């Protein structure tokens, strides 16, 4: 019975100032994990989003693009939210602007297989 009361007294207020510094030290790993996540995940994602937004704002007629689903085409018309792509001599499709993945380089026009 005496041992229980001594243990109870040490658990409640036995630490004093050292218990608050212990709590602060226990938060450091969480802060460190957040900083690591920020630099490895959040910052690169924000950078890619800014690049994609700049690409979509700079689109113009005649740009050769590749969509997110892999369709290669040339921009023939630009709307506020849509883009019309010519994918063959007589085939045009209209897609949402956000689905343009990247611009196509001139050297990508020729198939390397043929």
PDB file of N, CA and C in Angstrom:
ATOM      1  N   UNK A   1       0.816  -1.182   0.000  1.00  0.00           N
ATOM      2  CA  UNK A   1       0.000   0.000   0.000  1.00  0.00           C
ATOM      3  C   UNK A   1       0.863   1.251   0.000  1.00  0.00           C
ATOM      4  N   UNK A   2       1.954   1.229   0.727  1.00  0.00           N
ATOM      5  CA  UNK A   2       2.855   2.378   0.782  1.00  0.00           C
ATOM      6  C   UNK A   2       3.517   2.580  -0.578  1.00  0.00           C
ATOM      7  N   UNK A   3       3.859   1.517  -1.233  1.00  0.00           N
ATOM      8  CA  UNK A   3       4.505   1.620  -2.552  1.00  0.00           C
ATOM      9  C   UNK A   3       3.562   2.258  -3.578  1.00  0.00           C
ATOM     10  N   UNK A   4       2.285   1.965  -3.506  1.00  0.00           N
ATOM     11  CA  UNK A   4       1.338   2.544  -4.437  1.00  0.00           C
ATOM     12  C   UNK A   4       1.225   4.047  -4.242  1.00  0.00           C
ATOM     13  N   UNK A   5       1.185   4.520  -3.040  1.00  0.00           N
ATOM     14  CA  UNK A   5       1.059   5.951  -2.799  1.00  0.00           C
ATOM     15  C   UNK A   5       2.322   6.688  -3.203  1.00  0.00           C
ATOM     16  N   UNK A   6       3.499   6.090  -3.026  1.00  0.00           N
ATOM     17  CA  UNK A   6       4.756   6.726  -3.435  1.00  0.00           C
ATOM     18  C   UNK A   6       4.801   6.819  -4.968  1.00  0.00           C
ATOM     19  N   UNK A   7       4.421   5.754  -5.649  1.00  0.00           N
ATOM     20  CA  UNK A   7       4.422   5.758  -7.112  1.00  0.00           C
ATOM     21  C   UNK A   7       3.415   6.771  -7.639  1.00  0.00           C
ATOM     22  N   UNK A   8       2.266   6.861  -7.003  1.00  0.00           N
ATOM     23  CA  UNK A   8       1.248   7.821  -7.420  1.00  0.00           C
ATOM     24  C   UNK A   8       1.752   9.243  -7.247  1.00  0.00           C
ATOM     25  N   UNK A   9       2.423   9.543  -6.196  1.00  0.00           N
ATOM     26  CA  UNK A   9       2.954  10.881  -5.938  1.00  0.00           C
ATOM     27  C   UNK A   9       4.036  11.243  -6.945  1.00  0.00           C
ATOM     28  N   UNK A  10       4.855  10.301  -7.319  1.00  0.00           N
ATOM     29  CA  UNK A  10       5.898  10.580  -8.305  1.00  0.00           C
ATOM     30  C   UNK A  10       5.297  10.795  -9.691  1.00  0.00           C
ATOM     31  N   UNK A  11       4.238  10.105  -9.998  1.00  0.00           N
ATOM     32  CA  UNK A  11       3.620  10.232 -11.311  1.00  0.00           C
ATOM     33  C   UNK A  11       2.886  11.541 -11.499  1.00  0.00           C
ATOM     34  N   UNK A  12       2.311  12.099 -10.471  1.00  0.00           N
ATOM     35  CA  UNK A  12       1.507  13.312 -10.600  1.00  0.00           C
ATOM     36  C   UNK A  12       2.359  14.566 -10.677  1.00  0.00           C
ATOM     37  N   UNK A  13       3.188  14.815  -9.718  1.00  0.00           N
ATOM     38  CA  UNK A  13       3.903  16.090  -9.710  1.00  0.00           C
ATOM     39  C   UNK A  13       5.371  15.935  -9.440  1.00  0.00           C
ATOM     40  N   UNK A  14       5.893  14.748  -9.564  1.00  0.00           N
ATOM     41  CA  UNK A  14       7.278  14.509  -9.209  1.00  0.00           C
ATOM     42  C   UNK A  14       8.272  15.174 -10.136  1.00  0.00           C
ATOM     43  N   UNK A  15       7.902  15.460 -11.403  1.00  0.00           N
ATOM     44  CA  UNK A  15       8.869  15.967 -12.373  1.00  0.00           C
ATOM     45  C   UNK A  15       9.122  17.452 -12.279  1.00  0.00           C
ATOM     46  N   UNK A  16       8.143  18.250 -12.041  1.00  0.00           N
ATOM     47  CA  UNK A  16       8.293  19.699 -11.979  1.00  0.00           C
ATOM     48  C   UNK A  16       8.666  20.271 -13.334  1.00  0.00           C
ATOM     49  N   UNK A  17       9.759  21.025 -13.406  1.00  0.00           N
ATOM     50  CA  UNK A  17      10.191  21.681 -14.646  1.00  0.00           C
ATOM     51  C   UNK A  17      10.711  20.688 -15.666  1.00  0.00           C
ATOM     52  N   UNK A  18      11.229  19.573 -15.210  1.00  0.00           N
ATOM     53  CA  UNK A  18      11.778  18.601 -16.159  1.00  0.00           C
ATOM     54  C   UNK A  18      10.683  17.922 -16.976  1.00  0.00           C
ATOM     55  N   UNK A  19       9.459  17.837 -16.474  1.00  0.00           N
ATOM     56  CA  UNK A  19       8.383  17.218 -17.246  1.00  0.00           C
ATOM     57  C   UNK A  19       7.961  18.105 -18.416  1.00  0.00           C
ATOM     58  N   UNK A  20       8.005  19.418 -18.262  1.00  0.00           N
ATOM     59  CA  UNK A  20       7.649  20.297 -19.375  1.00  0.00           C
ATOM     60  C   UNK A  20       8.740  20.286 -20.441  1.00  0.00           C
ATOM     61  N   UNK A  21       9.988  20.191 -20.053  1.00  0.00           N
ATOM     62  CA  UNK A  21      11.052  20.106 -21.057  1.00  0.00           C
ATOM     63  C   UNK A  21      11.031  18.744 -21.730  1.00  0.00           C
ATOM     64  N   UNK A  22      10.609  17.719 -21.016  1.00  0.00           N
ATOM     65  CA  UNK A  22      10.463  16.393 -21.621  1.00  0.00           C
ATOM     66  C   UNK A  22       9.372  16.384 -22.673  1.00  0.00           C
ATOM     67  N   UNK A  23       8.290  17.105 -22.401  1.00  0.00           N
ATOM     68  CA  UNK A  23       7.208  17.214 -23.371  1.00  0.00           C
ATOM     69  C   UNK A  23       7.673  17.947 -24.617  1.00  0.00           C
ATOM     70  N   UNK A  24       8.450  18.989 -24.423  1.00  0.00           N
ATOM     71  CA  UNK A  24       8.977  19.746 -25.554  1.00  0.00           C
ATOM     72  C   UNK A  24       9.928  18.904 -26.387  1.00  0.00           C
ATOM     73  N   UNK A  25      10.760  18.125 -25.718  1.00  0.00           N
ATOM     74  CA  UNK A  25      11.680  17.241 -26.439  1.00  0.00           C
ATOM     75  C   UNK A  25      10.945  16.149 -27.197  1.00  0.00           C
ATOM     76  N   UNK A  26       9.807  15.720 -26.697  1.00  0.00           N
ATOM     77  CA  UNK A  26       9.046  14.684 -27.397  1.00  0.00           C
ATOM     78  C   UNK A  26       8.374  15.227 -28.661  1.00  0.00           C
ATOM     79  N   UNK A  27       8.222  16.539 -28.786  1.00  0.00           N
ATOM     80  CA  UNK A  27       7.624  17.134 -29.984  1.00  0.00           C
ATOM     81  C   UNK A  27       8.647  17.341 -31.105  1.00  0.00           C
ATOM     82  N   UNK A  28       9.907  17.318 -30.777  1.00  0.00           N
ATOM     83  CA  UNK A  28      10.956  17.555 -31.785  1.00  0.00           C
ATOM     84  C   UNK A  28      10.913  16.527 -32.920  1.00  0.00           C
ATOM     85  N   UNK A  29      10.760  15.232 -32.649  1.00  0.00           N
ATOM     86  CA  UNK A  29      10.682  14.281 -33.774  1.00  0.00           C
ATOM     87  C   UNK A  29       9.513  14.562 -34.721  1.00  0.00           C
ATOM     88  N   UNK A  30       8.380  14.980 -34.167  1.00  0.00           N
ATOM     89  CA  UNK A  30       7.228  15.295 -35.022  1.00  0.00           C
ATOM     90  C   UNK A  30       7.513  16.513 -35.900  1.00  0.00           C
ATOM     91  N   UNK A  31       8.143  17.515 -35.335  1.00  0.00           N
ATOM     92  CA  UNK A  31       8.509  18.702 -36.112  1.00  0.00           C
ATOM     93  C   UNK A  31       9.510  18.335 -37.192  1.00  0.00           C
ATOM     94  N   UNK A  32      10.452  17.484 -36.864  1.00  0.00           N
ATOM     95  CA  UNK A  32      11.457  17.044 -37.842  1.00  0.00           C
ATOM     96  C   UNK A  32      10.803  16.266 -38.983  1.00  0.00           C
ATOM     97  N   UNK A  33       9.855  15.417 -38.660  1.00  0.00           N
ATOM     98  CA  UNK A  33       9.137  14.658 -39.697  1.00  0.00           C
ATOM     99  C   UNK A  33       8.361  15.605 -40.603  1.00  0.00           C
ATOM    100  N   UNK A  34       7.716  16.614 -40.028  1.00  0.00           N
ATOM    101  CA  UNK A  34       6.986  17.584 -40.842  1.00  0.00           C
ATOM    102  C   UNK A  34       7.920  18.331 -41.790  1.00  0.00           C
ATOM    103  N   UNK A  35       9.079  18.739 -41.319  1.00  0.00           N
ATOM    104  CA  UNK A  35      10.047  19.449 -42.165  1.00  0.00           C
ATOM    105  C   UNK A  35      10.510  18.554 -43.301  1.00  0.00           C
ATOM    106  N   UNK A  36      10.782  17.300 -43.010  1.00  0.00           N
ATOM    107  CA  UNK A  36      11.210  16.362 -44.059  1.00  0.00           C
ATOM    108  C   UNK A  36      10.106  16.177 -45.089  1.00  0.00           C
ATOM    109  N   UNK A  37       8.872  15.989 -44.641  1.00  0.00           N
ATOM    110  CA  UNK A  37       7.750  15.855 -45.575  1.00  0.00           C
ATOM    111  C   UNK A  37       7.581  17.099 -46.431  1.00  0.00           C
ATOM    112  N   UNK A  38       7.767  18.256 -45.843  1.00  0.00           N
ATOM    113  CA  UNK A  38       7.610  19.495 -46.598  1.00  0.00           C
ATOM    114  C   UNK A  38       8.607  19.562 -47.746  1.00  0.00           C
ATOM    115  N   UNK A  39       9.864  19.262 -47.463  1.00  0.00           N
ATOM    116  CA  UNK A  39      10.886  19.376 -48.508  1.00  0.00           C
ATOM    117  C   UNK A  39      10.855  18.225 -49.506  1.00  0.00           C
ATOM    118  N   UNK A  40      10.395  17.055 -49.098  1.00  0.00           N
ATOM    119  CA  UNK A  40      10.381  15.917 -50.018  1.00  0.00           C
ATOM    120  C   UNK A  40       9.076  15.756 -50.785  1.00  0.00           C
ATOM    121  N   UNK A  41       7.963  16.215 -50.237  1.00  0.00           N
ATOM    122  CA  UNK A  41       6.672  15.999 -50.888  1.00  0.00           C
ATOM    123  C   UNK A  41       5.961  17.278 -51.293  1.00  0.00           C
ATOM    124  N   UNK A  42       5.790  18.185 -50.368  1.00  0.00           N
ATOM    125  CA  UNK A  42       4.945  19.352 -50.610  1.00  0.00           C
ATOM    126  C   UNK A  42       5.613  20.342 -51.551  1.00  0.00           C
ATOM    127  N   UNK A  43       6.859  20.696 -51.310  1.00  0.00           N
ATOM    128  CA  UNK A  43       7.558  21.681 -52.132  1.00  0.00           C
ATOM    129  C   UNK A  43       7.688  21.239 -53.597  1.00  0.00           C
ATOM    130  N   UNK A  44       8.130  20.003 -53.897  1.00  0.00           N
ATOM    131  CA  UNK A  44       8.190  19.584 -55.311  1.00  0.00           C
ATOM    132  C   UNK A  44       6.829  19.561 -55.988  1.00  0.00           C
ATOM    133  N   UNK A  45       5.785  19.198 -55.245  1.00  0.00           N
ATOM    134  CA  UNK A  45       4.447  19.165 -55.825  1.00  0.00           C
ATOM    135  C   UNK A  45       3.983  20.576 -56.180  1.00  0.00           C
ATOM    136  N   UNK A  46       4.262  21.552 -55.330  1.00  0.00           N
ATOM    137  CA  UNK A  46       3.896  22.936 -55.629  1.00  0.00           C
ATOM    138  C   UNK A  46       4.673  23.446 -56.835  1.00  0.00           C
ATOM    139  N   UNK A  47       5.922  23.062 -56.958  1.00  0.00           N
ATOM    140  CA  UNK A  47       6.744  23.488 -58.099  1.00  0.00           C
ATOM    141  C   UNK A  47       6.180  22.920 -59.405  1.00  0.00           C
ATOM    142  N   UNK A  48       5.813  21.622 -59.393  1.00  0.00           N
ATOM    143  CA  UNK A  48       5.232  21.016 -60.601  1.00  0.00           C
ATOM    144  C   UNK A  48       3.902  21.669 -60.960  1.00  0.00           C
ATOM    145  N   UNK A  49       3.099  22.004 -59.964  1.00  0.00           N
ATOM    146  CA  UNK A  49       1.802  22.647 -60.226  1.00  0.00           C
ATOM    147  C   UNK A  49       2.004  24.018 -60.863  1.00  0.00           C
ATOM    148  N   UNK A  50       2.989  24.781 -60.409  1.00  0.00           N
ATOM    149  CA  UNK A  50       3.271  26.089 -61.003  1.00  0.00           C
ATOM    150  C   UNK A  50       3.747  25.940 -62.448  1.00  0.00           C
ATOM    151  N   UNK A  51       4.602  24.945 -62.703  1.00  0.00           N
ATOM    152  CA  UNK A  51       5.080  24.715 -64.073  1.00  0.00           C
ATOM    153  C   UNK A  51       3.939  24.318 -64.993  1.00  0.00           C
ATOM    154  N   UNK A  52       3.052  23.455 -64.524  1.00  0.00           N
ATOM    155  CA  UNK A  52       1.918  23.023 -65.339  1.00  0.00           C
ATOM    156  C   UNK A  52       0.982  24.188 -65.626  1.00  0.00           C
ATOM    157  N   UNK A  53       0.748  25.030 -64.643  1.00  0.00           N
ATOM    158  CA  UNK A  53      -0.118  26.201 -64.836  1.00  0.00           C
ATOM    159  C   UNK A  53       0.487  27.152 -65.860  1.00  0.00           C
ATOM    160  N   UNK A  54       1.798  27.367 -65.782  1.00  0.00           N
ATOM    161  CA  UNK A  54       2.477  28.239 -66.747  1.00  0.00           C
ATOM    162  C   UNK A  54       2.397  27.648 -68.156  1.00  0.00           C
ATOM    163  N   UNK A  55       2.533  26.333 -68.279  1.00  0.00           N
ATOM    164  CA  UNK A  55       2.433  25.671 -69.581  1.00  0.00           C
ATOM    165  C   UNK A  55       1.055  25.875 -70.179  1.00  0.00           C
ATOM    166  N   UNK A  56       0.010  25.689 -69.376  1.00  0.00           N
ATOM    167  CA  UNK A  56      -1.353  25.820 -69.886  1.00  0.00           C
ATOM    168  C   UNK A  56      -1.687  27.254 -70.263  1.00  0.00           C
ATOM    169  N   UNK A  57      -1.148  28.221 -69.529  1.00  0.00           N
ATOM    170  CA  UNK A  57      -1.394  29.625 -69.865  1.00  0.00           C
ATOM    171  C   UNK A  57      -0.643  30.053 -71.119  1.00  0.00           C
ATOM    172  N   UNK A  58       0.465  29.399 -71.421  1.00  0.00           N
ATOM    173  CA  UNK A  58       1.282  29.783 -72.571  1.00  0.00           C
ATOM    174  C   UNK A  58       0.907  29.037 -73.851  1.00  0.00           C
ATOM    175  N   UNK A  59      -0.099  28.163 -73.798  1.00  0.00           N
ATOM    176  CA  UNK A  59      -0.500  27.427 -75.006  1.00  0.00           C
ATOM    177  C   UNK A  59      -0.966  28.387 -76.088  1.00  0.00           C
ATOM    178  N   UNK A  60      -0.623  28.049 -77.328  1.00  0.00           N
ATOM    179  CA  UNK A  60      -1.064  28.854 -78.471  1.00  0.00           C
ATOM    180  C   UNK A  60      -1.339  27.932 -79.642  1.00  0.00           C
ATOM    181  N   UNK A  61      -2.026  28.454 -80.643  1.00  0.00           N
ATOM    182  CA  UNK A  61      -2.330  27.662 -81.835  1.00  0.00           C
ATOM    183  C   UNK A  61      -1.027  27.222 -82.489  1.00  0.00           C
ATOM    184  N   UNK A  62      -1.026  25.976 -82.940  1.00  0.00           N
ATOM    185  CA  UNK A  62       0.142  25.432 -83.612  1.00  0.00           C
ATOM    186  C   UNK A  62       1.094  24.680 -82.687  1.00  0.00           C
ATOM    187  N   UNK A  63       0.906  24.779 -81.376  1.00  0.00           N
ATOM    188  CA  UNK A  63       1.753  24.028 -80.449  1.00  0.00           C
ATOM    189  C   UNK A  63       1.489  22.539 -80.601  1.00  0.00           C
ATOM    190  N   UNK A  64       2.561  21.775 -80.580  1.00  0.00           N
ATOM    191  CA  UNK A  64       2.440  20.323 -80.626  1.00  0.00           C
ATOM    192  C   UNK A  64       2.527  19.818 -79.193  1.00  0.00           C
ATOM    193  N   UNK A  65       1.494  19.075 -78.792  1.00  0.00           N
ATOM    194  CA  UNK A  65       1.370  18.678 -77.389  1.00  0.00           C
ATOM    195  C   UNK A  65       1.114  17.185 -77.258  1.00  0.00           C
ATOM    196  N   UNK A  66       1.286  16.701 -76.034  1.00  0.00           N
ATOM    197  CA  UNK A  66       0.925  15.334 -75.664  1.00  0.00           C
ATOM    198  C   UNK A  66      -0.017  15.442 -74.472  1.00  0.00           C
ATOM    199  N   UNK A  67      -1.141  14.728 -74.546  1.00  0.00           N
ATOM    200  CA  UNK A  67      -2.113  14.780 -73.464  1.00  0.00           C
ATOM    201  C   UNK A  67      -1.721  13.805 -72.358  1.00  0.00           C
ATOM    202  N   UNK A  68      -2.420  13.877 -71.247  1.00  0.00           N
ATOM    203  CA  UNK A  68      -2.164  12.979 -70.134  1.00  0.00           C
ATOM    204  C   UNK A  68      -2.432  11.525 -70.477  1.00  0.00           C
ATOM    205  N   UNK A  69      -3.301  11.273 -71.436  1.00  0.00           N
ATOM    206  CA  UNK A  69      -3.602   9.900 -71.841  1.00  0.00           C
ATOM    207  C   UNK A  69      -2.720   9.426 -72.986  1.00  0.00           C
ATOM    208  N   UNK A  70      -1.794  10.274 -73.438  1.00  0.00           N
ATOM    209  CA  UNK A  70      -0.835   9.856 -74.445  1.00  0.00           C
ATOM    210  C   UNK A  70      -1.206  10.206 -75.872  1.00  0.00           C
ATOM    211  N   UNK A  71      -2.216  11.010 -76.098  1.00  0.00           N
ATOM    212  CA  UNK A  71      -2.608  11.407 -77.450  1.00  0.00           C
ATOM    213  C   UNK A  71      -1.708  12.545 -77.910  1.00  0.00           C
ATOM    214  N   UNK A  72      -1.142  12.376 -79.100  1.00  0.00           N
ATOM    215  CA  UNK A  72      -0.291  13.402 -79.697  1.00  0.00           C
ATOM    216  C   UNK A  72      -1.144  14.231 -80.640  1.00  0.00           C
ATOM    217  N   UNK A  73      -1.026  15.547 -80.561  1.00  0.00           N
ATOM    218  CA  UNK A  73      -1.809  16.398 -81.435  1.00  0.00           C
ATOM    219  C   UNK A  73      -1.241  17.793 -81.535  1.00  0.00           C
ATOM    220  N   UNK A  74      -1.859  18.575 -82.422  1.00  0.00           N
ATOM    221  CA  UNK A  74      -1.477  19.960 -82.636  1.00  0.00           C
ATOM    222  C   UNK A  74      -2.660  20.838 -82.258  1.00  0.00           C
ATOM    223  N   UNK A  75      -2.412  21.875 -81.485  1.00  0.00           N
ATOM    224  CA  UNK A  75      -3.472  22.769 -81.035  1.00  0.00           C
ATOM    225  C   UNK A  75      -3.998  23.563 -82.223  1.00  0.00           C
ATOM    226  N   UNK A  76      -5.322  23.481 -82.462  1.00  0.00           N
ATOM    227  CA  UNK A  76      -5.923  24.244 -83.549  1.00  0.00           C
ATOM    228  C   UNK A  76      -6.846  25.342 -83.038  1.00  0.00           C
ATOM    229  N   UNK A  77      -7.359  25.178 -81.828  1.00  0.00           N
ATOM    230  CA  UNK A  77      -8.263  26.179 -81.275  1.00  0.00           C
ATOM    231  C   UNK A  77      -8.168  26.136 -79.757  1.00  0.00           C
ATOM    232  N   UNK A  78      -8.211  27.312 -79.146  1.00  0.00           N
ATOM    233  CA  UNK A  78      -8.136  27.415 -77.692  1.00  0.00           C
ATOM    234  C   UNK A  78      -9.393  28.067 -77.156  1.00  0.00           C
ATOM    235  N   UNK A  79     -10.023  27.408 -76.208  1.00  0.00           N
ATOM    236  CA  UNK A  79     -11.141  27.996 -75.486  1.00  0.00           C
ATOM    237  C   UNK A  79     -10.704  28.333 -74.079  1.00  0.00           C
ATOM    238  N   UNK A  80     -11.645  28.825 -73.305  1.00  0.00           N
ATOM    239  CA  UNK A  80     -11.306  29.171 -71.927  1.00  0.00           C
ATOM    240  C   UNK A  80     -10.946  27.926 -71.119  1.00  0.00           C
ATOM    241  N   UNK A  81     -11.712  26.852 -71.300  1.00  0.00           N
ATOM    242  CA  UNK A  81     -11.479  25.621 -70.552  1.00  0.00           C
ATOM    243  C   UNK A  81     -11.143  24.431 -71.443  1.00  0.00           C
ATOM    244  N   UNK A  82     -11.257  24.588 -72.766  1.00  0.00           N
ATOM    245  CA  UNK A  82     -11.022  23.466 -73.672  1.00  0.00           C
ATOM    246  C   UNK A  82      -9.972  23.803 -74.711  1.00  0.00           C
ATOM    247  N   UNK A  83      -9.450  22.752 -75.313  1.00  0.00           N
ATOM    248  CA  UNK A  83      -8.461  22.863 -76.390  1.00  0.00           C
ATOM    249  C   UNK A  83      -8.893  21.903 -77.489  1.00  0.00           C
ATOM    250  N   UNK A  84      -8.836  22.357 -78.734  1.00  0.00           N
ATOM    251  CA  UNK A  84      -9.119  21.478 -79.855  1.00  0.00           C
ATOM    252  C   UNK A  84      -7.793  21.039 -80.445  1.00  0.00           C
ATOM    253  N   UNK A  85      -7.628  19.721 -80.546  1.00  0.00           N
ATOM    254  CA  UNK A  85      -6.395  19.144 -81.076  1.00  0.00           C
ATOM    255  C   UNK A  85      -6.677  18.458 -82.397  1.00  0.00           C
ATOM    256  N   UNK A  86      -5.791  18.651 -83.345  1.00  0.00           N
ATOM    257  CA  UNK A  86      -5.850  17.902 -84.583  1.00  0.00           C
ATOM    258  C   UNK A  86      -4.910  16.722 -84.414  1.00  0.00           C
ATOM    259  N   UNK A  87      -5.482  15.499 -84.476  1.00  0.00           N
ATOM    260  CA  UNK A  87      -4.681  14.314 -84.229  1.00  0.00           C
ATOM    261  C   UNK A  87      -4.386  13.543 -85.514  1.00  0.00           C
ATOM    262  N   UNK A  88      -5.086  13.875 -86.583  1.00  0.00           N
ATOM    263  CA  UNK A  88      -4.841  13.301 -87.906  1.00  0.00           C
ATOM    264  C   UNK A  88      -5.293  14.336 -88.930  1.00  0.00           C
ATOM    265  N   UNK A  89      -5.136  14.035 -90.226  1.00  0.00           N
ATOM    266  CA  UNK A  89      -5.479  15.013 -91.264  1.00  0.00           C
ATOM    267  C   UNK A  89      -6.920  15.489 -91.160  1.00  0.00           C
ATOM    268  N   UNK A  90      -7.841  14.587 -90.890  1.00  0.00           N
ATOM    269  CA  UNK A  90      -9.247  14.982 -90.830  1.00  0.00           C
ATOM    270  C   UNK A  90      -9.884  14.668 -89.484  1.00  0.00           C
ATOM    271  N   UNK A  91      -9.092  14.498 -88.454  1.00  0.00           N
ATOM    272  CA  UNK A  91      -9.634  14.167 -87.135  1.00  0.00           C
ATOM    273  C   UNK A  91      -9.227  15.216 -86.111  1.00  0.00           C
ATOM    274  N   UNK A  92     -10.244  15.802 -85.475  1.00  0.00           N
ATOM    275  CA  UNK A  92     -10.003  16.771 -84.420  1.00  0.00           C
ATOM    276  C   UNK A  92     -10.769  16.331 -83.177  1.00  0.00           C
ATOM    277  N   UNK A  93     -10.174  16.568 -82.031  1.00  0.00           N
ATOM    278  CA  UNK A  93     -10.852  16.267 -80.781  1.00  0.00           C
ATOM    279  C   UNK A  93     -10.788  17.492 -79.874  1.00  0.00           C
ATOM    280  N   UNK A  94     -11.750  17.583 -78.993  1.00  0.00           N
ATOM    281  CA  UNK A  94     -11.766  18.678 -78.023  1.00  0.00           C
ATOM    282  C   UNK A  94     -11.590  18.076 -76.636  1.00  0.00           C
ATOM    283  N   UNK A  95     -10.614  18.594 -75.899  1.00  0.00           N
ATOM    284  CA  UNK A  95     -10.346  18.079 -74.561  1.00  0.00           C
ATOM    285  C   UNK A  95     -10.261  19.239 -73.584  1.00  0.00           C
ATOM    286  N   UNK A  96     -10.306  18.932 -72.305  1.00  0.00           N
ATOM    287  CA  UNK A  96     -10.127  19.954 -71.289  1.00  0.00           C
ATOM    288  C   UNK A  96      -8.670  20.382 -71.255  1.00  0.00           C
ATOM    289  N   UNK A  97      -8.480  21.640 -70.997  1.00  0.00           N
ATOM    290  CA  UNK A  97      -7.142  22.230 -70.990  1.00  0.00           C
ATOM    291  C   UNK A  97      -6.222  21.540 -69.976  1.00  0.00           C
ATOM    292  N   UNK A  98      -6.753  21.125 -68.830  1.00  0.00           N
ATOM    293  CA  UNK A  98      -5.939  20.517 -67.781  1.00  0.00           C
ATOM    294  C   UNK A  98      -5.317  19.191 -68.187  1.00  0.00           C
ATOM    295  N   UNK A  99      -5.849  18.578 -69.250  1.00  0.00           N
ATOM    296  CA  UNK A  99      -5.344  17.272 -69.666  1.00  0.00           C
ATOM    297  C   UNK A  99      -4.149  17.364 -70.608  1.00  0.00           C
ATOM    298  N   UNK A 100      -3.722  18.575 -70.940  1.00  0.00           N
ATOM    299  CA  UNK A 100      -2.485  18.721 -71.702  1.00  0.00           C
ATOM    300  C   UNK A 100      -1.345  18.444 -70.741  1.00  0.00           C
ATOM    301  N   UNK A 101      -0.529  17.452 -71.080  1.00  0.00           N
ATOM    302  CA  UNK A 101       0.535  17.040 -70.174  1.00  0.00           C
ATOM    303  C   UNK A 101       1.832  17.814 -70.413  1.00  0.00           C
ATOM    304  N   UNK A 102       2.225  17.898 -71.690  1.00  0.00           N
ATOM    305  CA  UNK A 102       3.477  18.598 -71.988  1.00  0.00           C
ATOM    306  C   UNK A 102       3.540  18.974 -73.459  1.00  0.00           C
ATOM    307  N   UNK A 103       4.471  19.870 -73.772  1.00  0.00           N
ATOM    308  CA  UNK A 103       4.728  20.216 -75.164  1.00  0.00           C
ATOM    309  C   UNK A 103       5.605  19.132 -75.781  1.00  0.00           C
ATOM    310  N   UNK A 104       5.415  18.928 -77.064  1.00  0.00           N
ATOM    311  CA  UNK A 104       6.177  17.917 -77.777  1.00  0.00           C
ATOM    312  C   UNK A 104       7.352  18.583 -78.463  1.00  0.00           C
ATOM    313  N   UNK A 105       8.518  18.004 -78.342  1.00  0.00           N
ATOM    314  CA  UNK A 105       9.691  18.544 -79.009  1.00  0.00           C
ATOM    315  C   UNK A 105       9.657  18.165 -80.494  1.00  0.00           C
ATOM    316  N   UNK A 106      10.337  18.968 -81.337  1.00  0.00           N
ATOM    317  CA  UNK A 106      10.335  18.710 -82.782  1.00  0.00           C
ATOM    318  C   UNK A 106      10.985  17.367 -83.125  1.00  0.00           C
ATOM    319  N   UNK A 107      11.988  16.962 -82.379  1.00  0.00           N
ATOM    320  CA  UNK A 107      12.663  15.710 -82.693  1.00  0.00           C
ATOM    321  C   UNK A 107      11.825  14.490 -82.278  1.00  0.00           C
ATOM    322  N   UNK A 108      10.741  14.691 -81.561  1.00  0.00           N
ATOM    323  CA  UNK A 108       9.859  13.579 -81.186  1.00  0.00           C
ATOM    324  C   UNK A 108       8.879  13.230 -82.311  1.00  0.00           C
ATOM    325  N   UNK A 109       8.800  14.071 -83.352  1.00  0.00           N
ATOM    326  CA  UNK A 109       7.838  13.833 -84.427  1.00  0.00           C
ATOM    327  C   UNK A 109       8.139  12.558 -85.197  1.00  0.00           C
ATOM    328  N   UNK A 110       9.375  12.242 -85.366  1.00  0.00           N
ATOM    329  CA  UNK A 110       9.747  11.079 -86.161  1.00  0.00           C
ATOM    330  C   UNK A 110       9.820   9.851 -85.281  1.00  0.00           C
ATOM    331  N   UNK A 111       9.165   8.799 -85.717  1.00  0.00           N
ATOM    332  CA  UNK A 111       9.233   7.545 -84.981  1.00  0.00           C
ATOM    333  C   UNK A 111      10.622   6.964 -85.148  1.00  0.00           C
ATOM    334  N   UNK A 112      11.178   6.474 -84.080  1.00  0.00           N
ATOM    335  CA  UNK A 112      12.517   5.901 -84.131  1.00  0.00           C
ATOM    336  C   UNK A 112      12.478   4.461 -84.634  1.00  0.00           C
ATOM    337  N   UNK A 113      11.268   3.865 -84.642  1.00  0.00           N
ATOM    338  CA  UNK A 113      11.145   2.479 -85.101  1.00  0.00           C
ATOM    339  C   UNK A 113      11.203   2.387 -86.618  1.00  0.00           C
ATOM    340  N   UNK A 114      10.688   3.396 -87.332  1.00  0.00           N
ATOM    341  CA  UNK A 114      10.618   3.288 -88.787  1.00  0.00           C
ATOM    342  C   UNK A 114      11.801   3.885 -89.472  1.00  0.00           C
TER     343      UNK A 114
END
